[in-house]
């Protein structure tokens, strides 16, 4: 049975290719069917909202498109400005974090001199061990 199937696909490579494509599409459909349904639903909602907007204010369409495009461009510039500011702040913080261990080490070395201590440690009393029974 497998030999007959293998010889058929060897003799007809286009059938094998089409069958493979069909199987891949079927698998992708089952995997992505939820996403496809969501995308279609969002598209319908966007079209309904746009239609309601057009019916509520039937002004000149080119003017509305130009205004919407300008709003989109302005919003994009504001978002870019915010994101670039965040990137700069993040890089500044990373630089400070990199320098912090060196600063702490140098502070620990100069701390006794600034406080007037010699760096001598006080001898603590030996710990008392419990008596053996």
Protein backbone atom coordinates (compact mmCIF):
# COMPACT_ATOMS: atom_id res chain seq x y z
CA UNK A 1 0.00 0.00 0.00
CA UNK A 2 2.75 2.47 0.96
CA UNK A 3 4.80 1.47 -2.08
CA UNK A 4 1.86 2.20 -4.39
CA UNK A 5 1.29 5.57 -2.72
CA UNK A 6 5.00 6.44 -2.90
CA UNK A 7 5.21 5.45 -6.58
CA UNK A 8 2.07 7.53 -7.36
CA UNK A 9 3.54 10.64 -5.73
CA UNK A 10 6.86 10.01 -7.48
CA UNK A 11 5.08 9.86 -10.83
CA UNK A 12 2.92 12.94 -10.09
CA UNK A 13 4.95 15.51 -8.11
CA UNK A 14 2.37 18.28 -8.67
CA UNK A 15 -0.27 16.25 -6.85
CA UNK A 16 2.15 15.76 -3.95
CA UNK A 17 2.90 19.51 -3.89
CA UNK A 18 -0.79 20.44 -3.93
CA UNK A 19 -1.59 17.92 -1.20
CA UNK A 20 1.25 19.26 0.94
CA UNK A 21 0.07 22.86 0.46
CA UNK A 22 -3.49 21.85 1.34
CA UNK A 23 -2.35 20.09 4.53
CA UNK A 24 -0.24 23.10 5.58
CA UNK A 25 -3.14 25.48 4.96
CA UNK A 26 -5.50 23.24 6.93
CA UNK A 27 -3.09 23.08 9.87
CA UNK A 28 -2.57 26.85 9.82
CA UNK A 29 -6.32 27.41 9.61
CA UNK A 30 -6.95 25.28 12.70
CA UNK A 31 -4.16 27.02 14.58
CA UNK A 32 -5.03 30.56 13.52
CA UNK A 33 -8.82 30.27 13.23
CA UNK A 34 -9.35 32.18 16.47
CA UNK A 35 -7.09 34.98 15.28
CA UNK A 36 -8.83 35.10 11.89
CA UNK A 37 -12.22 35.38 13.58
CA UNK A 38 -10.92 38.16 15.82
CA UNK A 39 -9.44 40.05 12.86
CA UNK A 40 -12.69 39.81 10.90
CA UNK A 41 -14.67 40.97 13.93
CA UNK A 42 -12.34 43.95 14.43
CA UNK A 43 -12.59 44.83 10.74
CA UNK A 44 -16.40 44.81 10.93
CA UNK A 45 -16.36 47.01 14.06
CA UNK A 46 -13.98 49.49 12.40
CA UNK A 47 -16.11 49.64 9.27
CA UNK A 48 -19.29 50.16 11.32
CA UNK A 49 -17.65 52.92 13.37
CA UNK A 50 -16.38 54.59 10.20
CA UNK A 51 -19.81 54.36 8.58
CA UNK A 52 -21.50 55.83 11.66
CA UNK A 53 -18.95 58.64 11.65
CA UNK A 54 -19.62 59.32 7.98
CA UNK A 55 -23.41 59.37 8.48
CA UNK A 56 -23.21 61.63 11.54
CA UNK A 57 -21.01 64.21 9.78
CA UNK A 58 -21.26 64.02 5.99
CA UNK A 59 -18.66 66.75 5.39
CA UNK A 60 -16.23 66.60 2.52
CA UNK A 61 -14.42 63.29 2.64
CA UNK A 62 -10.97 64.58 1.53
CA UNK A 63 -11.00 67.14 4.34
CA UNK A 64 -11.83 64.49 6.91
CA UNK A 65 -9.13 62.18 5.59
CA UNK A 66 -6.58 64.98 5.69
CA UNK A 67 -7.55 65.87 9.26
CA UNK A 68 -7.36 62.23 10.37
CA UNK A 69 -3.96 61.80 8.70
CA UNK A 70 -2.66 64.94 10.40
CA UNK A 71 -3.91 63.68 13.76
CA UNK A 72 -2.20 60.34 13.15
CA UNK A 73 1.09 62.02 12.22
CA UNK A 74 1.01 64.30 15.26
CA UNK A 75 0.24 61.38 17.57
CA UNK A 76 3.06 59.36 16.01
CA UNK A 77 5.53 62.18 16.62
CA UNK A 78 4.43 62.46 20.26
CA UNK A 79 4.78 58.71 20.75
CA UNK A 80 8.23 58.75 19.13
CA UNK A 81 9.31 61.61 21.39
CA UNK A 82 8.13 59.72 24.48
CA UNK A 83 9.78 56.46 23.44
CA UNK A 84 13.08 58.13 22.59
CA UNK A 85 13.02 59.89 25.97
CA UNK A 86 12.44 56.56 27.69
CA UNK A 87 15.35 55.05 25.78
CA UNK A 88 17.64 57.88 26.87
CA UNK A 89 16.53 57.54 30.49
CA UNK A 90 17.06 53.78 30.40
CA UNK A 91 20.58 54.17 29.02
CA UNK A 92 21.38 56.78 31.71
CA UNK A 93 20.17 54.40 34.41
CA UNK A 94 22.23 51.58 32.93
CA UNK A 95 25.34 53.80 32.99
CA UNK A 96 24.72 54.72 36.63
CA UNK A 97 24.21 51.09 37.59
CA UNK A 98 27.50 50.22 35.90
CA UNK A 99 29.37 52.96 37.81
CA UNK A 100 27.73 52.26 41.19
CA UNK A 101 29.99 49.39 42.37
CA UNK A 102 33.14 51.45 41.75
CA UNK A 103 31.68 54.42 43.62
CA UNK A 104 30.63 52.24 46.54
CA UNK A 105 34.08 50.66 46.72
CA UNK A 106 35.81 54.06 46.72
CA UNK A 107 33.36 55.35 49.36
CA UNK A 108 34.11 52.39 51.60
CA UNK A 109 37.86 53.04 51.30
CA UNK A 110 37.56 56.75 52.21
CA UNK A 111 34.82 56.37 54.85
CA UNK A 112 37.17 55.80 57.86
CA UNK A 113 39.23 58.87 56.91
CA UNK A 114 36.14 61.06 56.65
CA UNK A 115 34.69 59.90 59.96
CA UNK A 116 37.98 60.03 61.84
CA UNK A 117 38.08 56.34 62.67
CA UNK A 118 41.18 54.30 62.05
CA UNK A 119 39.40 51.28 60.81
CA UNK A 120 40.15 49.30 63.93
CA UNK A 121 37.51 46.84 64.85
CA UNK A 122 36.35 46.53 68.40
CA UNK A 123 37.00 43.21 69.96
CA UNK A 124 33.77 41.54 70.81
CA UNK A 125 33.28 39.34 73.82
CA UNK A 126 33.68 35.65 73.09
CA UNK A 127 30.47 33.78 72.68
CA UNK A 128 29.40 31.70 75.60
CA UNK A 129 28.94 28.07 74.79
CA UNK A 130 26.28 26.11 76.64
CA UNK A 131 27.64 23.69 79.19
CA UNK A 132 27.81 20.09 78.12
CA UNK A 133 25.58 17.73 80.06
